[in-house]
């Protein structure tokens, strides 16, 4: 059974960095797609970054040049390195994994950026 577990969130000052991790230790296959989404209070959930299993990536315009997504297929782990954080990056960040018609979500981790 797939279980995505996120870690690495917290409180950081503007300009600081955080690294989020998401791991699924239960499956033996590599997900086709892994991604990070975020949802700020009163806003819709938005995709921040996505990486497919061949390594191609795509980022939301708001985080390009500041965030980097990466993955370790052998460990079914995806990372989000977040640099130059801004108060508007404050949100709950969710890990997403997709494999053919199946989609999975983590429980979310809070990221708070103070000004």
C-alpha atoms as a PDB file:
ATOM      1  CA  UNK A   1       0.000   0.000   0.000  1.00  0.00           C
ATOM      2  CA  UNK A   2       1.368   3.400  -0.971  1.00  0.00           C
ATOM      3  CA  UNK A   3       2.049   5.766   1.881  1.00  0.00           C
ATOM      4  CA  UNK A   4       3.743   9.067   1.146  1.00  0.00           C
ATOM      5  CA  UNK A   5       5.413  10.618   4.175  1.00  0.00           C
ATOM      6  CA  UNK A   6       6.642  14.202   4.002  1.00  0.00           C
ATOM      7  CA  UNK A   7       9.171  15.904   6.235  1.00  0.00           C
ATOM      8  CA  UNK A   8      11.270  19.043   6.337  1.00  0.00           C
ATOM      9  CA  UNK A   9       8.695  21.783   6.789  1.00  0.00           C
ATOM     10  CA  UNK A  10       9.002  24.471   9.414  1.00  0.00           C
ATOM     11  CA  UNK A  11       9.402  28.150  10.130  1.00  0.00           C
ATOM     12  CA  UNK A  12      12.071  30.132   8.316  1.00  0.00           C
ATOM     13  CA  UNK A  13      12.833  33.800   7.759  1.00  0.00           C
ATOM     14  CA  UNK A  14      12.458  35.373   4.355  1.00  0.00           C
ATOM     15  CA  UNK A  15      15.522  34.647   2.250  1.00  0.00           C
ATOM     16  CA  UNK A  16      16.148  31.362   3.990  1.00  0.00           C
ATOM     17  CA  UNK A  17      16.032  27.795   2.718  1.00  0.00           C
ATOM     18  CA  UNK A  18      14.238  24.570   3.476  1.00  0.00           C
ATOM     19  CA  UNK A  19      14.402  21.103   1.976  1.00  0.00           C
ATOM     20  CA  UNK A  20      11.290  18.982   1.867  1.00  0.00           C
ATOM     21  CA  UNK A  21      11.430  15.219   1.518  1.00  0.00           C
ATOM     22  CA  UNK A  22       8.740  12.719   0.626  1.00  0.00           C
ATOM     23  CA  UNK A  23       9.308   8.997   0.819  1.00  0.00           C
ATOM     24  CA  UNK A  24       7.237   5.926   0.173  1.00  0.00           C
ATOM     25  CA  UNK A  25       8.866   2.894   1.683  1.00  0.00           C
ATOM     26  CA  UNK A  26       6.074   0.458   0.890  1.00  0.00           C
ATOM     27  CA  UNK A  27       6.216   0.117  -2.888  1.00  0.00           C
ATOM     28  CA  UNK A  28       8.779  -1.558  -5.086  1.00  0.00           C
ATOM     29  CA  UNK A  29       8.146   0.346  -8.305  1.00  0.00           C
ATOM     30  CA  UNK A  30       9.070   3.892  -9.353  1.00  0.00           C
ATOM     31  CA  UNK A  31       6.174   6.254  -9.789  1.00  0.00           C
ATOM     32  CA  UNK A  32       5.723   7.714 -13.260  1.00  0.00           C
ATOM     33  CA  UNK A  33       5.300  11.195 -11.840  1.00  0.00           C
ATOM     34  CA  UNK A  34       6.141  12.821  -8.533  1.00  0.00           C
ATOM     35  CA  UNK A  35       5.349  16.387  -7.643  1.00  0.00           C
ATOM     36  CA  UNK A  36       4.932  18.972  -4.941  1.00  0.00           C
ATOM     37  CA  UNK A  37       1.771  21.009  -4.523  1.00  0.00           C
ATOM     38  CA  UNK A  38       0.962  23.709  -2.015  1.00  0.00           C
ATOM     39  CA  UNK A  39      -2.142  25.270  -0.585  1.00  0.00           C
ATOM     40  CA  UNK A  40      -2.198  28.578   1.209  1.00  0.00           C
ATOM     41  CA  UNK A  41      -5.131  29.600   3.438  1.00  0.00           C
ATOM     42  CA  UNK A  42      -8.111  30.628   1.350  1.00  0.00           C
ATOM     43  CA  UNK A  43      -6.449  29.614  -1.910  1.00  0.00           C
ATOM     44  CA  UNK A  44      -6.675  26.659  -4.234  1.00  0.00           C
ATOM     45  CA  UNK A  45      -4.055  23.967  -4.215  1.00  0.00           C
ATOM     46  CA  UNK A  46      -1.442  24.668  -6.877  1.00  0.00           C
ATOM     47  CA  UNK A  47       1.309  22.603  -8.390  1.00  0.00           C
ATOM     48  CA  UNK A  48       4.758  23.877  -7.491  1.00  0.00           C
ATOM     49  CA  UNK A  49       7.043  21.446  -9.277  1.00  0.00           C
ATOM     50  CA  UNK A  50       6.841  18.113 -11.038  1.00  0.00           C
ATOM     51  CA  UNK A  51       9.402  15.498 -12.055  1.00  0.00           C
ATOM     52  CA  UNK A  52       8.813  12.474 -14.241  1.00  0.00           C
ATOM     53  CA  UNK A  53      10.763   9.256 -13.993  1.00  0.00           C
ATOM     54  CA  UNK A  54      13.156  10.221 -16.801  1.00  0.00           C
ATOM     55  CA  UNK A  55      14.180  13.297 -14.844  1.00  0.00           C
ATOM     56  CA  UNK A  56      12.343  15.994 -16.759  1.00  0.00           C
ATOM     57  CA  UNK A  57      11.029  18.762 -14.540  1.00  0.00           C
ATOM     58  CA  UNK A  58       8.593  21.638 -14.674  1.00  0.00           C
ATOM     59  CA  UNK A  59       8.047  24.501 -12.265  1.00  0.00           C
ATOM     60  CA  UNK A  60       5.424  27.076 -11.484  1.00  0.00           C
ATOM     61  CA  UNK A  61       6.518  30.511 -12.648  1.00  0.00           C
ATOM     62  CA  UNK A  62       6.418  31.783  -9.075  1.00  0.00           C
ATOM     63  CA  UNK A  63       9.195  29.425  -7.951  1.00  0.00           C
ATOM     64  CA  UNK A  64      11.406  29.151 -11.029  1.00  0.00           C
ATOM     65  CA  UNK A  65      15.032  29.783 -10.171  1.00  0.00           C
ATOM     66  CA  UNK A  66      14.393  29.370  -6.436  1.00  0.00           C
ATOM     67  CA  UNK A  67      13.061  25.825  -6.033  1.00  0.00           C
ATOM     68  CA  UNK A  68      14.554  22.580  -7.288  1.00  0.00           C
ATOM     69  CA  UNK A  69      12.784  19.238  -7.427  1.00  0.00           C
ATOM     70  CA  UNK A  70      14.728  16.006  -7.541  1.00  0.00           C
ATOM     71  CA  UNK A  71      14.104  12.334  -6.937  1.00  0.00           C
ATOM     72  CA  UNK A  72      15.806   9.089  -6.074  1.00  0.00           C
ATOM     73  CA  UNK A  73      13.904   6.387  -7.899  1.00  0.00           C
ATOM     74  CA  UNK A  74      15.564   3.548  -6.039  1.00  0.00           C
ATOM     75  CA  UNK A  75      14.279   4.995  -2.772  1.00  0.00           C
ATOM     76  CA  UNK A  76      10.960   6.275  -4.145  1.00  0.00           C
ATOM     77  CA  UNK A  77      11.853   9.621  -2.681  1.00  0.00           C
ATOM     78  CA  UNK A  78      11.262  13.118  -3.988  1.00  0.00           C
ATOM     79  CA  UNK A  79      12.826  16.302  -2.673  1.00  0.00           C
ATOM     80  CA  UNK A  80      12.048  19.982  -2.948  1.00  0.00           C
ATOM     81  CA  UNK A  81      14.931  22.322  -2.264  1.00  0.00           C
ATOM     82  CA  UNK A  82      13.513  25.760  -1.570  1.00  0.00           C
ATOM     83  CA  UNK A  83      15.849  28.741  -1.567  1.00  0.00           C
ATOM     84  CA  UNK A  84      15.266  32.484  -1.289  1.00  0.00           C
ATOM     85  CA  UNK A  85      11.978  31.832   0.419  1.00  0.00           C
ATOM     86  CA  UNK A  86       9.364  34.561   0.486  1.00  0.00           C
ATOM     87  CA  UNK A  87       6.397  35.121   2.815  1.00  0.00           C
ATOM     88  CA  UNK A  88       4.105  34.269  -0.093  1.00  0.00           C
ATOM     89  CA  UNK A  89       5.590  30.767  -0.138  1.00  0.00           C
ATOM     90  CA  UNK A  90       3.831  30.116   3.163  1.00  0.00           C
ATOM     91  CA  UNK A  91       1.505  27.145   2.676  1.00  0.00           C
ATOM     92  CA  UNK A  92       0.940  23.504   3.400  1.00  0.00           C
ATOM     93  CA  UNK A  93       3.070  21.548   0.958  1.00  0.00           C
ATOM     94  CA  UNK A  94       1.805  18.211  -0.307  1.00  0.00           C
ATOM     95  CA  UNK A  95       3.678  15.406  -1.986  1.00  0.00           C
ATOM     96  CA  UNK A  96       1.979  13.798  -4.981  1.00  0.00           C
ATOM     97  CA  UNK A  97       2.731  10.581  -6.807  1.00  0.00           C
ATOM     98  CA  UNK A  98       1.097   9.280  -9.942  1.00  0.00           C
ATOM     99  CA  UNK A  99       1.415   5.883 -11.543  1.00  0.00           C
ATOM    100  CA  UNK A 100      -0.771   5.272 -14.595  1.00  0.00           C
ATOM    101  CA  UNK A 101      -4.361   5.826 -13.389  1.00  0.00           C
ATOM    102  CA  UNK A 102      -3.456   5.851  -9.704  1.00  0.00           C
ATOM    103  CA  UNK A 103      -2.757   8.998  -7.719  1.00  0.00           C
ATOM    104  CA  UNK A 104      -1.507   9.358  -4.180  1.00  0.00           C
ATOM    105  CA  UNK A 105      -1.081  12.241  -1.753  1.00  0.00           C
ATOM    106  CA  UNK A 106       0.913  12.810   1.372  1.00  0.00           C
ATOM    107  CA  UNK A 107      -0.569  14.323   4.506  1.00  0.00           C
ATOM    108  CA  UNK A 108       1.118  17.697   3.994  1.00  0.00           C
ATOM    109  CA  UNK A 109       3.809  19.632   5.791  1.00  0.00           C
ATOM    110  CA  UNK A 110       3.552  23.256   6.888  1.00  0.00           C
ATOM    111  CA  UNK A 111       6.027  25.801   5.565  1.00  0.00           C
ATOM    112  CA  UNK A 112       5.892  29.245   7.137  1.00  0.00           C
ATOM    113  CA  UNK A 113       8.096  32.098   5.929  1.00  0.00           C
ATOM    114  CA  UNK A 114       8.284  35.145   8.175  1.00  0.00           C
ATOM    115  CA  UNK A 115       9.057  38.606   6.849  1.00  0.00           C
END
